[in-house]
Amino acid sequence: MLFSLLPGKGRLQLSQIDPFVCSQCRTDFTPHWKQERSGSILCEQCVTSNQKKALKAEHTNRLKTAFVKALQQEQVLLAQSASLQAVRPLGPSPRL
């Protein structure tokens, strides 16, 4: 619990201030605090950790999308190749 002096009516008043506590890790000591839109207060380490997790999730989703697209393209090429082989048989070409 912290106490601070606030100017009152012609004199100083003693006011009680509760310290910040991170809503994620419950720490009460950090050089930088951030208040989220939801109203929760996070310490610097949790903010950084959440940003890294969000970036990693975005990167993973992009890689997954690219992999699925490449797999679909490969399947299309294999299907086209199979249809071409069915049209013309493999073997020696006839001599005239």
PDB file of N, CA and C in Angstrom:
ATOM      1  N   MET A   1       0.839  -1.155   0.000  1.00  0.00           N
ATOM      2  CA  MET A   1       0.000   0.000   0.000  1.00  0.00           C
ATOM      3  C   MET A   1       0.897   1.234   0.000  1.00  0.00           C
ATOM      4  N   LEU A   2       0.596   2.179  -0.833  1.00  0.00           N
ATOM      5  CA  LEU A   2       1.375   3.406  -0.939  1.00  0.00           C
ATOM      6  C   LEU A   2       0.556   4.578  -0.428  1.00  0.00           C
ATOM      7  N   PHE A   3       1.271   5.551   0.045  1.00  0.00           N
ATOM      8  CA  PHE A   3       0.613   6.780   0.486  1.00  0.00           C
ATOM      9  C   PHE A   3       1.211   7.932  -0.299  1.00  0.00           C
ATOM     10  N   SER A   4       0.379   8.875  -0.694  1.00  0.00           N
ATOM     11  CA  SER A   4       0.888  10.041  -1.396  1.00  0.00           C
ATOM     12  C   SER A   4       0.230  11.281  -0.817  1.00  0.00           C
ATOM     13  N   LEU A   5       0.917  12.397  -1.008  1.00  0.00           N
ATOM     14  CA  LEU A   5       0.395  13.661  -0.523  1.00  0.00           C
ATOM     15  C   LEU A   5      -0.324  14.366  -1.655  1.00  0.00           C
ATOM     16  N   LEU A   6      -1.578  14.705  -1.415  1.00  0.00           N
ATOM     17  CA  LEU A   6      -2.367  15.418  -2.401  1.00  0.00           C
ATOM     18  C   LEU A   6      -2.748  16.782  -1.844  1.00  0.00           C
ATOM     19  N   PRO A   7      -2.691  17.813  -2.681  1.00  0.00           N
ATOM     20  CA  PRO A   7      -3.095  19.120  -2.187  1.00  0.00           C
ATOM     21  C   PRO A   7      -4.590  19.131  -1.892  1.00  0.00           C
ATOM     22  N   GLY A   8      -4.952  19.589  -0.723  1.00  0.00           N
ATOM     23  CA  GLY A   8      -6.361  19.676  -0.322  1.00  0.00           C
ATOM     24  C   GLY A   8      -6.760  21.135  -0.174  1.00  0.00           C
ATOM     25  N   LYS A   9      -7.729  21.397   0.605  1.00  0.00           N
ATOM     26  CA  LYS A   9      -8.210  22.758   0.830  1.00  0.00           C
ATOM     27  C   LYS A   9      -7.232  23.511   1.734  1.00  0.00           C
ATOM     28  N   GLY A  10      -6.212  24.094   1.117  1.00  0.00           N
ATOM     29  CA  GLY A  10      -5.246  24.873   1.872  1.00  0.00           C
ATOM     30  C   GLY A  10      -4.250  24.053   2.661  1.00  0.00           C
ATOM     31  N   ARG A  11      -4.310  22.741   2.586  1.00  0.00           N
ATOM     32  CA  ARG A  11      -3.360  21.888   3.312  1.00  0.00           C
ATOM     33  C   ARG A  11      -3.136  20.612   2.511  1.00  0.00           C
ATOM     34  N   LEU A  12      -2.163  19.836   2.888  1.00  0.00           N
ATOM     35  CA  LEU A  12      -1.865  18.593   2.201  1.00  0.00           C
ATOM     36  C   LEU A  12      -2.668  17.460   2.833  1.00  0.00           C
ATOM     37  N   GLN A  13      -3.208  16.605   1.990  1.00  0.00           N
ATOM     38  CA  GLN A  13      -3.967  15.454   2.445  1.00  0.00           C
ATOM     39  C   GLN A  13      -3.173  14.190   2.182  1.00  0.00           C
ATOM     40  N   LEU A  14      -3.276  13.235   3.043  1.00  0.00           N
ATOM     41  CA  LEU A  14      -2.635  11.946   2.866  1.00  0.00           C
ATOM     42  C   LEU A  14      -3.638  11.027   2.175  1.00  0.00           C
ATOM     43  N   SER A  15      -3.233  10.481   1.034  1.00  0.00           N
ATOM     44  CA  SER A  15      -4.132   9.634   0.256  1.00  0.00           C
ATOM     45  C   SER A  15      -3.541   8.240   0.134  1.00  0.00           C
ATOM     46  N   GLN A  16      -4.401   7.231   0.195  1.00  0.00           N
ATOM     47  CA  GLN A  16      -3.969   5.840   0.087  1.00  0.00           C
ATOM     48  C   GLN A  16      -4.101   5.402  -1.371  1.00  0.00           C
ATOM     49  N   ILE A  17      -3.012   4.846  -1.944  1.00  0.00           N
ATOM     50  CA  ILE A  17      -3.003   4.374  -3.324  1.00  0.00           C
ATOM     51  C   ILE A  17      -2.574   2.914  -3.316  1.00  0.00           C
ATOM     52  N   ASP A  18      -3.375   2.069  -3.919  1.00  0.00           N
ATOM     53  CA  ASP A  18      -3.008   0.659  -4.059  1.00  0.00           C
ATOM     54  C   ASP A  18      -2.060   0.523  -5.242  1.00  0.00           C
ATOM     55  N   PRO A  19      -0.991  -0.266  -5.112  1.00  0.00           N
ATOM     56  CA  PRO A  19      -0.063  -0.444  -6.245  1.00  0.00           C
ATOM     57  C   PRO A  19      -0.713  -1.277  -7.341  1.00  0.00           C
ATOM     58  N   PHE A  20      -0.200  -1.112  -8.550  1.00  0.00           N
ATOM     59  CA  PHE A  20      -0.690  -1.919  -9.668  1.00  0.00           C
ATOM     60  C   PHE A  20      -0.274  -3.364  -9.457  1.00  0.00           C
ATOM     61  N   VAL A  21      -1.121  -4.268  -9.908  1.00  0.00           N
ATOM     62  CA  VAL A  21      -0.823  -5.693  -9.899  1.00  0.00           C
ATOM     63  C   VAL A  21      -1.188  -6.219 -11.283  1.00  0.00           C
ATOM     64  N   CYS A  22      -0.261  -6.920 -11.898  1.00  0.00           N
ATOM     65  CA  CYS A  22      -0.496  -7.469 -13.237  1.00  0.00           C
ATOM     66  C   CYS A  22      -1.632  -8.485 -13.172  1.00  0.00           C
ATOM     67  N   SER A  23      -2.600  -8.336 -14.047  1.00  0.00           N
ATOM     68  CA  SER A  23      -3.752  -9.243 -14.029  1.00  0.00           C
ATOM     69  C   SER A  23      -3.414 -10.620 -14.601  1.00  0.00           C
ATOM     70  N   GLN A  24      -2.257 -10.744 -15.256  1.00  0.00           N
ATOM     71  CA  GLN A  24      -1.877 -12.026 -15.842  1.00  0.00           C
ATOM     72  C   GLN A  24      -0.917 -12.804 -14.944  1.00  0.00           C
ATOM     73  N   CYS A  25       0.152 -12.164 -14.473  1.00  0.00           N
ATOM     74  CA  CYS A  25       1.162 -12.889 -13.684  1.00  0.00           C
ATOM     75  C   CYS A  25       1.163 -12.505 -12.197  1.00  0.00           C
ATOM     76  N   ARG A  26       0.368 -11.532 -11.857  1.00  0.00           N
ATOM     77  CA  ARG A  26       0.174 -11.086 -10.467  1.00  0.00           C
ATOM     78  C   ARG A  26       1.400 -10.385  -9.859  1.00  0.00           C
ATOM     79  N   THR A  27       2.347  -9.937 -10.674  1.00  0.00           N
ATOM     80  CA  THR A  27       3.496  -9.211 -10.140  1.00  0.00           C
ATOM     81  C   THR A  27       3.076  -7.782  -9.805  1.00  0.00           C
ATOM     82  N   ASP A  28       3.824  -7.173  -8.888  1.00  0.00           N
ATOM     83  CA  ASP A  28       3.520  -5.780  -8.545  1.00  0.00           C
ATOM     84  C   ASP A  28       4.741  -4.882  -8.765  1.00  0.00           C
ATOM     85  N   PHE A  29       5.745  -5.412  -9.485  1.00  0.00           N
ATOM     86  CA  PHE A  29       6.940  -4.625  -9.734  1.00  0.00           C
ATOM     87  C   PHE A  29       7.347  -4.726 -11.194  1.00  0.00           C
ATOM     88  N   THR A  30       7.350  -3.608 -11.888  1.00  0.00           N
ATOM     89  CA  THR A  30       7.812  -3.530 -13.266  1.00  0.00           C
ATOM     90  C   THR A  30       8.075  -2.066 -13.591  1.00  0.00           C
ATOM     91  N   PRO A  31       8.992  -1.778 -14.504  1.00  0.00           N
ATOM     92  CA  PRO A  31       9.259  -0.376 -14.849  1.00  0.00           C
ATOM     93  C   PRO A  31       8.167   0.251 -15.716  1.00  0.00           C
ATOM     94  N   HIS A  32       7.306  -0.583 -16.313  1.00  0.00           N
ATOM     95  CA  HIS A  32       6.296  -0.036 -17.223  1.00  0.00           C
ATOM     96  C   HIS A  32       5.001  -0.833 -17.101  1.00  0.00           C
ATOM     97  N   TRP A  33       3.895  -0.130 -16.971  1.00  0.00           N
ATOM     98  CA  TRP A  33       2.579  -0.755 -16.895  1.00  0.00           C
ATOM     99  C   TRP A  33       1.775  -0.387 -18.124  1.00  0.00           C
ATOM    100  N   LYS A  34       0.870  -1.279 -18.536  1.00  0.00           N
ATOM    101  CA  LYS A  34      -0.009  -0.976 -19.658  1.00  0.00           C
ATOM    102  C   LYS A  34      -1.422  -1.400 -19.302  1.00  0.00           C
ATOM    103  N   GLN A  35      -2.358  -0.502 -19.581  1.00  0.00           N
ATOM    104  CA  GLN A  35      -3.759  -0.830 -19.350  1.00  0.00           C
ATOM    105  C   GLN A  35      -4.392  -1.233 -20.676  1.00  0.00           C
ATOM    106  N   GLU A  36      -4.966  -2.416 -20.708  1.00  0.00           N
ATOM    107  CA  GLU A  36      -5.610  -2.932 -21.906  1.00  0.00           C
ATOM    108  C   GLU A  36      -6.955  -2.253 -22.110  1.00  0.00           C
ATOM    109  N   ARG A  37      -7.523  -2.429 -23.294  1.00  0.00           N
ATOM    110  CA  ARG A  37      -8.846  -1.865 -23.585  1.00  0.00           C
ATOM    111  C   ARG A  37      -9.906  -2.424 -22.658  1.00  0.00           C
ATOM    112  N   SER A  38      -9.705  -3.659 -22.247  1.00  0.00           N
ATOM    113  CA  SER A  38     -10.669  -4.308 -21.353  1.00  0.00           C
ATOM    114  C   SER A  38     -10.592  -3.766 -19.933  1.00  0.00           C
ATOM    115  N   GLY A  39      -9.543  -2.977 -19.660  1.00  0.00           N
ATOM    116  CA  GLY A  39      -9.387  -2.408 -18.324  1.00  0.00           C
ATOM    117  C   GLY A  39      -8.365  -3.138 -17.470  1.00  0.00           C
ATOM    118  N   SER A  40      -7.919  -4.307 -17.908  1.00  0.00           N
ATOM    119  CA  SER A  40      -6.925  -5.040 -17.129  1.00  0.00           C
ATOM    120  C   SER A  40      -5.561  -4.374 -17.264  1.00  0.00           C
ATOM    121  N   ILE A  41      -4.773  -4.473 -16.228  1.00  0.00           N
ATOM    122  CA  ILE A  41      -3.442  -3.865 -16.189  1.00  0.00           C
ATOM    123  C   ILE A  41      -2.403  -4.967 -16.289  1.00  0.00           C
ATOM    124  N   LEU A  42      -1.457  -4.794 -17.236  1.00  0.00           N
ATOM    125  CA  LEU A  42      -0.416  -5.792 -17.464  1.00  0.00           C
ATOM    126  C   LEU A  42       0.962  -5.198 -17.247  1.00  0.00           C
ATOM    127  N   CYS A  43       1.888  -6.036 -16.779  1.00  0.00           N
ATOM    128  CA  CYS A  43       3.274  -5.617 -16.623  1.00  0.00           C
ATOM    129  C   CYS A  43       3.977  -5.662 -17.983  1.00  0.00           C
ATOM    130  N   GLU A  44       5.147  -5.085 -18.037  1.00  0.00           N
ATOM    131  CA  GLU A  44       5.900  -5.000 -19.289  1.00  0.00           C
ATOM    132  C   GLU A  44       6.215  -6.384 -19.855  1.00  0.00           C
ATOM    133  N   GLN A  45       6.586  -7.318 -19.007  1.00  0.00           N
ATOM    134  CA  GLN A  45       6.944  -8.656 -19.468  1.00  0.00           C
ATOM    135  C   GLN A  45       5.743  -9.380 -20.077  1.00  0.00           C
ATOM    136  N   CYS A  46       4.580  -9.250 -19.486  1.00  0.00           N
ATOM    137  CA  CYS A  46       3.385  -9.911 -20.020  1.00  0.00           C
ATOM    138  C   CYS A  46       2.949  -9.273 -21.335  1.00  0.00           C
ATOM    139  N   VAL A  47       3.085  -7.954 -21.459  1.00  0.00           N
ATOM    140  CA  VAL A  47       2.753  -7.274 -22.715  1.00  0.00           C
ATOM    141  C   VAL A  47       3.653  -7.801 -23.825  1.00  0.00           C
ATOM    142  N   THR A  48       4.950  -7.867 -23.556  1.00  0.00           N
ATOM    143  CA  THR A  48       5.908  -8.370 -24.546  1.00  0.00           C
ATOM    144  C   THR A  48       5.614  -9.822 -24.901  1.00  0.00           C
ATOM    145  N   SER A  49       5.334 -10.634 -23.903  1.00  0.00           N
ATOM    146  CA  SER A  49       5.037 -12.044 -24.127  1.00  0.00           C
ATOM    147  C   SER A  49       3.784 -12.204 -24.990  1.00  0.00           C
ATOM    148  N   ASN A  50       2.751 -11.423 -24.703  1.00  0.00           N
ATOM    149  CA  ASN A  50       1.505 -11.507 -25.485  1.00  0.00           C
ATOM    150  C   ASN A  50       1.731 -11.077 -26.928  1.00  0.00           C
ATOM    151  N   GLN A  51       2.563 -10.056 -27.135  1.00  0.00           N
ATOM    152  CA  GLN A  51       2.864  -9.610 -28.501  1.00  0.00           C
ATOM    153  C   GLN A  51       3.604 -10.699 -29.267  1.00  0.00           C
ATOM    154  N   LYS A  52       4.567 -11.352 -28.626  1.00  0.00           N
ATOM    155  CA  LYS A  52       5.316 -12.428 -29.277  1.00  0.00           C
ATOM    156  C   LYS A  52       4.403 -13.600 -29.616  1.00  0.00           C
ATOM    157  N   LYS A  53       3.486 -13.949 -28.712  1.00  0.00           N
ATOM    158  CA  LYS A  53       2.555 -15.045 -28.980  1.00  0.00           C
ATOM    159  C   LYS A  53       1.654 -14.716 -30.165  1.00  0.00           C
ATOM    160  N   ALA A  54       1.189 -13.470 -30.248  1.00  0.00           N
ATOM    161  CA  ALA A  54       0.319 -13.066 -31.353  1.00  0.00           C
ATOM    162  C   ALA A  54       1.078 -13.115 -32.680  1.00  0.00           C
ATOM    163  N   LEU A  55       2.324 -12.653 -32.683  1.00  0.00           N
ATOM    164  CA  LEU A  55       3.130 -12.695 -33.907  1.00  0.00           C
ATOM    165  C   LEU A  55       3.410 -14.132 -34.335  1.00  0.00           C
ATOM    166  N   LYS A  56       3.690 -14.992 -33.369  1.00  0.00           N
ATOM    167  CA  LYS A  56       3.963 -16.395 -33.678  1.00  0.00           C
ATOM    168  C   LYS A  56       2.719 -17.057 -34.258  1.00  0.00           C
ATOM    169  N   ALA A  57       1.557 -16.773 -33.693  1.00  0.00           N
ATOM    170  CA  ALA A  57       0.310 -17.353 -34.199  1.00  0.00           C
ATOM    171  C   ALA A  57       0.036 -16.872 -35.623  1.00  0.00           C
ATOM    172  N   GLU A  58       0.273 -15.599 -35.880  1.00  0.00           N
ATOM    173  CA  GLU A  58       0.075 -15.060 -37.229  1.00  0.00           C
ATOM    174  C   GLU A  58       1.026 -15.720 -38.219  1.00  0.00           C
ATOM    175  N   HIS A  59       2.279 -15.870 -37.830  1.00  0.00           N
ATOM    176  CA  HIS A  59       3.279 -16.497 -38.696  1.00  0.00           C
ATOM    177  C   HIS A  59       2.905 -17.957 -38.983  1.00  0.00           C
ATOM    178  N   THR A  60       2.478 -18.671 -37.955  1.00  0.00           N
ATOM    179  CA  THR A  60       2.079 -20.063 -38.111  1.00  0.00           C
ATOM    180  C   THR A  60       0.900 -20.185 -39.071  1.00  0.00           C
ATOM    181  N   ASN A  61      -0.068 -19.293 -38.943  1.00  0.00           N
ATOM    182  CA  ASN A  61      -1.226 -19.330 -39.840  1.00  0.00           C
ATOM    183  C   ASN A  61      -0.824 -19.058 -41.281  1.00  0.00           C
ATOM    184  N   ARG A  62       0.098 -18.122 -41.491  1.00  0.00           N
ATOM    185  CA  ARG A  62       0.562 -17.831 -42.851  1.00  0.00           C
ATOM    186  C   ARG A  62       1.298 -19.030 -43.450  1.00  0.00           C
ATOM    187  N   LEU A  63       2.148 -19.671 -42.654  1.00  0.00           N
ATOM    188  CA  LEU A  63       2.862 -20.853 -43.137  1.00  0.00           C
ATOM    189  C   LEU A  63       1.893 -21.983 -43.462  1.00  0.00           C
ATOM    190  N   LYS A  64       0.901 -22.169 -42.622  1.00  0.00           N
ATOM    191  CA  LYS A  64      -0.087 -23.226 -42.842  1.00  0.00           C
ATOM    192  C   LYS A  64      -0.863 -22.958 -44.130  1.00  0.00           C
ATOM    193  N   THR A  65      -1.263 -21.713 -44.357  1.00  0.00           N
ATOM    194  CA  THR A  65      -1.982 -21.344 -45.570  1.00  0.00           C
ATOM    195  C   THR A  65      -1.123 -21.595 -46.808  1.00  0.00           C
ATOM    196  N   ALA A  66       0.150 -21.208 -46.742  1.00  0.00           N
ATOM    197  CA  ALA A  66       1.058 -21.415 -47.869  1.00  0.00           C
ATOM    198  C   ALA A  66       1.266 -22.905 -48.141  1.00  0.00           C
ATOM    199  N   PHE A  67       1.378 -23.702 -47.089  1.00  0.00           N
ATOM    200  CA  PHE A  67       1.566 -25.144 -47.253  1.00  0.00           C
ATOM    201  C   PHE A  67       0.341 -25.784 -47.901  1.00  0.00           C
ATOM    202  N   VAL A  68      -0.849 -25.410 -47.446  1.00  0.00           N
ATOM    203  CA  VAL A  68      -2.077 -25.965 -48.008  1.00  0.00           C
ATOM    204  C   VAL A  68      -2.201 -25.585 -49.481  1.00  0.00           C
ATOM    205  N   LYS A  69      -1.864 -24.345 -49.818  1.00  0.00           N
ATOM    206  CA  LYS A  69      -1.924 -23.891 -51.209  1.00  0.00           C
ATOM    207  C   LYS A  69      -0.947 -24.687 -52.087  1.00  0.00           C
ATOM    208  N   ALA A  70       0.276 -24.889 -51.597  1.00  0.00           N
ATOM    209  CA  ALA A  70       1.269 -25.653 -52.352  1.00  0.00           C
ATOM    210  C   ALA A  70       0.816 -27.104 -52.524  1.00  0.00           C
ATOM    211  N   LEU A  71       0.212 -27.674 -51.503  1.00  0.00           N
ATOM    212  CA  LEU A  71      -0.284 -29.046 -51.579  1.00  0.00           C
ATOM    213  C   LEU A  71      -1.403 -29.157 -52.622  1.00  0.00           C
ATOM    214  N   GLN A  72      -2.290 -28.192 -52.642  1.00  0.00           N
ATOM    215  CA  GLN A  72      -3.373 -28.201 -53.638  1.00  0.00           C
ATOM    216  C   GLN A  72      -2.815 -28.059 -55.052  1.00  0.00           C
ATOM    217  N   GLN A  73      -1.829 -27.205 -55.232  1.00  0.00           N
ATOM    218  CA  GLN A  73      -1.217 -27.041 -56.548  1.00  0.00           C
ATOM    219  C   GLN A  73      -0.544 -28.338 -56.994  1.00  0.00           C
ATOM    220  N   GLU A  74       0.106 -29.014 -56.079  1.00  0.00           N
ATOM    221  CA  GLU A  74       0.756 -30.283 -56.395  1.00  0.00           C
ATOM    222  C   GLU A  74      -0.273 -31.330 -56.808  1.00  0.00           C
ATOM    223  N   GLN A  75      -1.405 -31.371 -56.119  1.00  0.00           N
ATOM    224  CA  GLN A  75      -2.447 -32.337 -56.458  1.00  0.00           C
ATOM    225  C   GLN A  75      -3.029 -32.055 -57.843  1.00  0.00           C
ATOM    226  N   VAL A  76      -3.190 -30.778 -58.178  1.00  0.00           N
ATOM    227  CA  VAL A  76      -3.691 -30.410 -59.505  1.00  0.00           C
ATOM    228  C   VAL A  76      -2.696 -30.856 -60.571  1.00  0.00           C
ATOM    229  N   LEU A  77      -1.418 -30.620 -60.360  1.00  0.00           N
ATOM    230  CA  LEU A  77      -0.396 -31.030 -61.332  1.00  0.00           C
ATOM    231  C   LEU A  77      -0.344 -32.548 -61.493  1.00  0.00           C
ATOM    232  N   LEU A  78      -0.468 -33.269 -60.386  1.00  0.00           N
ATOM    233  CA  LEU A  78      -0.477 -34.737 -60.459  1.00  0.00           C
ATOM    234  C   LEU A  78      -1.703 -35.240 -61.227  1.00  0.00           C
ATOM    235  N   ALA A  79      -2.840 -34.615 -61.019  1.00  0.00           N
ATOM    236  CA  ALA A  79      -4.052 -35.007 -61.732  1.00  0.00           C
ATOM    237  C   ALA A  79      -3.911 -34.727 -63.227  1.00  0.00           C
ATOM    238  N   GLN A  80      -3.340 -33.581 -63.573  1.00  0.00           N
ATOM    239  CA  GLN A  80      -3.123 -33.251 -64.976  1.00  0.00           C
ATOM    240  C   GLN A  80      -2.138 -34.231 -65.620  1.00  0.00           C
ATOM    241  N   SER A  81      -1.097 -34.566 -64.904  1.00  0.00           N
ATOM    242  CA  SER A  81      -0.105 -35.512 -65.407  1.00  0.00           C
ATOM    243  C   SER A  81      -0.726 -36.882 -65.626  1.00  0.00           C
ATOM    244  N   ALA A  82      -1.565 -37.322 -64.701  1.00  0.00           N
ATOM    245  CA  ALA A  82      -2.221 -38.623 -64.826  1.00  0.00           C
ATOM    246  C   ALA A  82      -3.186 -38.633 -66.004  1.00  0.00           C
ATOM    247  N   SER A  83      -3.879 -37.540 -66.222  1.00  0.00           N
ATOM    248  CA  SER A  83      -4.822 -37.498 -67.344  1.00  0.00           C
ATOM    249  C   SER A  83      -4.077 -37.488 -68.682  1.00  0.00           C
ATOM    250  N   LEU A  84      -2.915 -36.846 -68.758  1.00  0.00           N
ATOM    251  CA  LEU A  84      -2.119 -36.854 -69.984  1.00  0.00           C
ATOM    252  C   LEU A  84      -1.562 -38.240 -70.270  1.00  0.00           C
ATOM    253  N   GLN A  85      -1.154 -38.951 -69.250  1.00  0.00           N
ATOM    254  CA  GLN A  85      -0.626 -40.304 -69.429  1.00  0.00           C
ATOM    255  C   GLN A  85      -1.727 -41.260 -69.858  1.00  0.00           C
ATOM    256  N   ALA A  86      -2.958 -41.028 -69.427  1.00  0.00           N
ATOM    257  CA  ALA A  86      -4.077 -41.888 -69.816  1.00  0.00           C
ATOM    258  C   ALA A  86      -4.432 -41.669 -71.285  1.00  0.00           C
ATOM    259  N   VAL A  87      -4.238 -40.463 -71.778  1.00  0.00           N
ATOM    260  CA  VAL A  87      -4.578 -40.151 -73.170  1.00  0.00           C
ATOM    261  C   VAL A  87      -3.548 -40.761 -74.106  1.00  0.00           C
ATOM    262  N   ARG A  88      -2.300 -40.633 -73.815  1.00  0.00           N
ATOM    263  CA  ARG A  88      -1.273 -41.215 -74.676  1.00  0.00           C
ATOM    264  C   ARG A  88      -0.486 -42.250 -73.882  1.00  0.00           C
ATOM    265  N   PRO A  89      -0.493 -43.456 -74.338  1.00  0.00           N
ATOM    266  CA  PRO A  89       0.201 -44.533 -73.609  1.00  0.00           C
ATOM    267  C   PRO A  89       1.711 -44.346 -73.673  1.00  0.00           C
ATOM    268  N   LEU A  90       2.341 -44.813 -72.627  1.00  0.00           N
ATOM    269  CA  LEU A  90       3.796 -44.770 -72.586  1.00  0.00           C
ATOM    270  C   LEU A  90       4.336 -45.991 -73.307  1.00  0.00           C
ATOM    271  N   GLY A  91       5.270 -45.820 -74.104  1.00  0.00           N
ATOM    272  CA  GLY A  91       5.850 -46.929 -74.827  1.00  0.00           C
ATOM    273  C   GLY A  91       6.578 -46.407 -76.048  1.00  0.00           C
ATOM    274  N   PRO A  92       7.145 -47.314 -76.821  1.00  0.00           N
ATOM    275  CA  PRO A  92       7.869 -46.875 -78.004  1.00  0.00           C
ATOM    276  C   PRO A  92       6.906 -46.265 -79.027  1.00  0.00           C
ATOM    277  N   SER A  93       7.359 -45.225 -79.663  1.00  0.00           N
ATOM    278  CA  SER A  93       6.528 -44.594 -80.669  1.00  0.00           C
ATOM    279  C   SER A  93       6.579 -45.437 -81.948  1.00  0.00           C
ATOM    280  N   PRO A  94       5.484 -45.528 -82.676  1.00  0.00           N
ATOM    281  CA  PRO A  94       5.469 -46.355 -83.899  1.00  0.00           C
ATOM    282  C   PRO A  94       6.348 -45.740 -84.969  1.00  0.00           C
ATOM    283  N   ARG A  95       7.067 -46.611 -85.689  1.00  0.00           N
ATOM    284  CA  ARG A  95       7.923 -46.134 -86.780  1.00  0.00           C
ATOM    285  C   ARG A  95       7.166 -46.217 -88.095  1.00  0.00           C
ATOM    286  N   LEU A  96       7.412 -45.300 -88.889  1.00  0.00           N
ATOM    287  CA  LEU A  96       6.757 -45.288 -90.213  1.00  0.00           C
ATOM    288  C   LEU A  96       7.627 -45.853 -91.273  1.00  0.00           C
TER     289      LEU A  96
END
